[in-house]
Amino acid sequence: MNYITKLQQDRGEVTERLLAMKDRIQELRVHLSGSKFGPQADGTRGDWMSTADIQNWLRYIEDPTIEEERDGKA
């Protein structure tokens, strides 16, 4: 494989990965806009999220081998 072909292939792979990351970031935005994180019926705050959940989301966003849909659970 020549150098130009390799660069084109690498560029395609990077583009695919960036698009996948963008989609996963949007999934996180949708998750965070759910009623679970808004004001609660009893007036308490519902905008808390555990650091473990955030770490799991970041792994999901960064790792292209993780294929499962996120539902807010680890």
Protein backbone atom coordinates (compact mmCIF):
# COMPACT_ATOMS: atom_id res chain seq x y z
CA MET A 1 0.00 0.00 0.00
CA ASN A 2 1.44 3.35 -0.90
CA TYR A 3 1.73 6.27 1.46
CA ILE A 4 -1.16 8.33 0.01
CA THR A 5 -3.54 5.37 0.16
CA LYS A 6 -2.55 4.74 3.78
CA LEU A 7 -3.16 8.38 4.68
CA GLN A 8 -6.58 8.29 3.01
CA GLN A 9 -7.48 5.12 4.89
CA ASP A 10 -6.31 6.61 8.20
CA ARG A 11 -8.31 9.77 7.53
CA GLY A 12 -11.43 7.73 6.87
CA GLU A 13 -11.00 5.80 10.11
CA VAL A 14 -10.48 9.00 12.11
CA THR A 15 -13.54 10.58 10.52
CA GLU A 16 -15.67 7.55 11.41
CA ARG A 17 -14.42 7.64 14.99
CA LEU A 18 -15.15 11.35 15.34
CA LEU A 19 -18.67 10.89 13.99
CA ALA A 20 -19.27 8.02 16.43
CA MET A 21 -18.01 10.16 19.31
CA LYS A 22 -20.30 13.00 18.24
CA ASP A 23 -23.28 10.62 18.24
CA ARG A 24 -22.38 9.33 21.69
CA ILE A 25 -22.01 12.86 23.04
CA GLN A 26 -25.51 13.58 21.73
CA GLU A 27 -26.75 10.44 23.54
CA LEU A 28 -25.30 11.85 26.76
CA ARG A 29 -26.99 15.21 26.15
CA VAL A 30 -30.35 13.46 25.68
CA HIS A 31 -29.74 11.41 28.83
CA LEU A 32 -28.97 14.55 30.84
CA SER A 33 -32.07 16.34 29.58
CA GLY A 34 -34.34 13.58 30.90
CA SER A 35 -36.73 14.11 33.79
CA LYS A 36 -34.41 12.17 36.10
CA PHE A 37 -32.10 15.20 36.26
CA GLY A 38 -34.69 17.98 36.49
CA PRO A 39 -36.52 19.35 39.51
CA GLN A 40 -38.18 16.52 41.41
CA ALA A 41 -41.84 16.36 42.44
CA ASP A 42 -40.90 16.92 46.08
CA GLY A 43 -38.95 20.08 45.18
CA THR A 44 -35.49 18.58 45.68
CA ARG A 45 -32.71 18.86 43.14
CA GLY A 46 -32.39 16.04 40.66
CA ASP A 47 -29.30 17.26 38.87
CA TRP A 48 -26.83 15.00 40.68
CA MET A 49 -24.82 12.39 38.81
CA SER A 50 -22.23 10.05 40.28
CA THR A 51 -18.63 10.38 39.19
CA ALA A 52 -18.65 6.65 38.34
CA ASP A 53 -21.52 7.23 35.90
CA ILE A 54 -19.61 10.11 34.31
CA GLN A 55 -16.49 7.95 34.01
CA ASN A 56 -18.57 5.19 32.38
CA TRP A 57 -20.05 7.68 29.91
CA LEU A 58 -16.58 8.99 29.03
CA ARG A 59 -15.32 5.45 28.43
CA TYR A 60 -18.37 4.80 26.23
CA ILE A 61 -17.73 7.99 24.25
CA GLU A 62 -14.00 7.34 23.80
CA ASP A 63 -13.99 3.59 23.14
CA PRO A 64 -15.31 2.62 19.69
CA THR A 65 -15.49 -1.05 20.68
CA ILE A 66 -18.31 -0.45 23.16
CA GLU A 67 -21.47 -1.00 21.14
CA GLU A 68 -24.21 -1.12 23.79
CA GLU A 69 -26.82 1.59 24.08
CA ARG A 70 -26.47 3.68 27.20
CA ASP A 71 -29.40 3.81 29.58
CA GLY A 72 -27.68 5.73 32.35
CA LYS A 73 -26.46 2.59 34.08
CA ALA A 74 -22.88 1.39 34.39
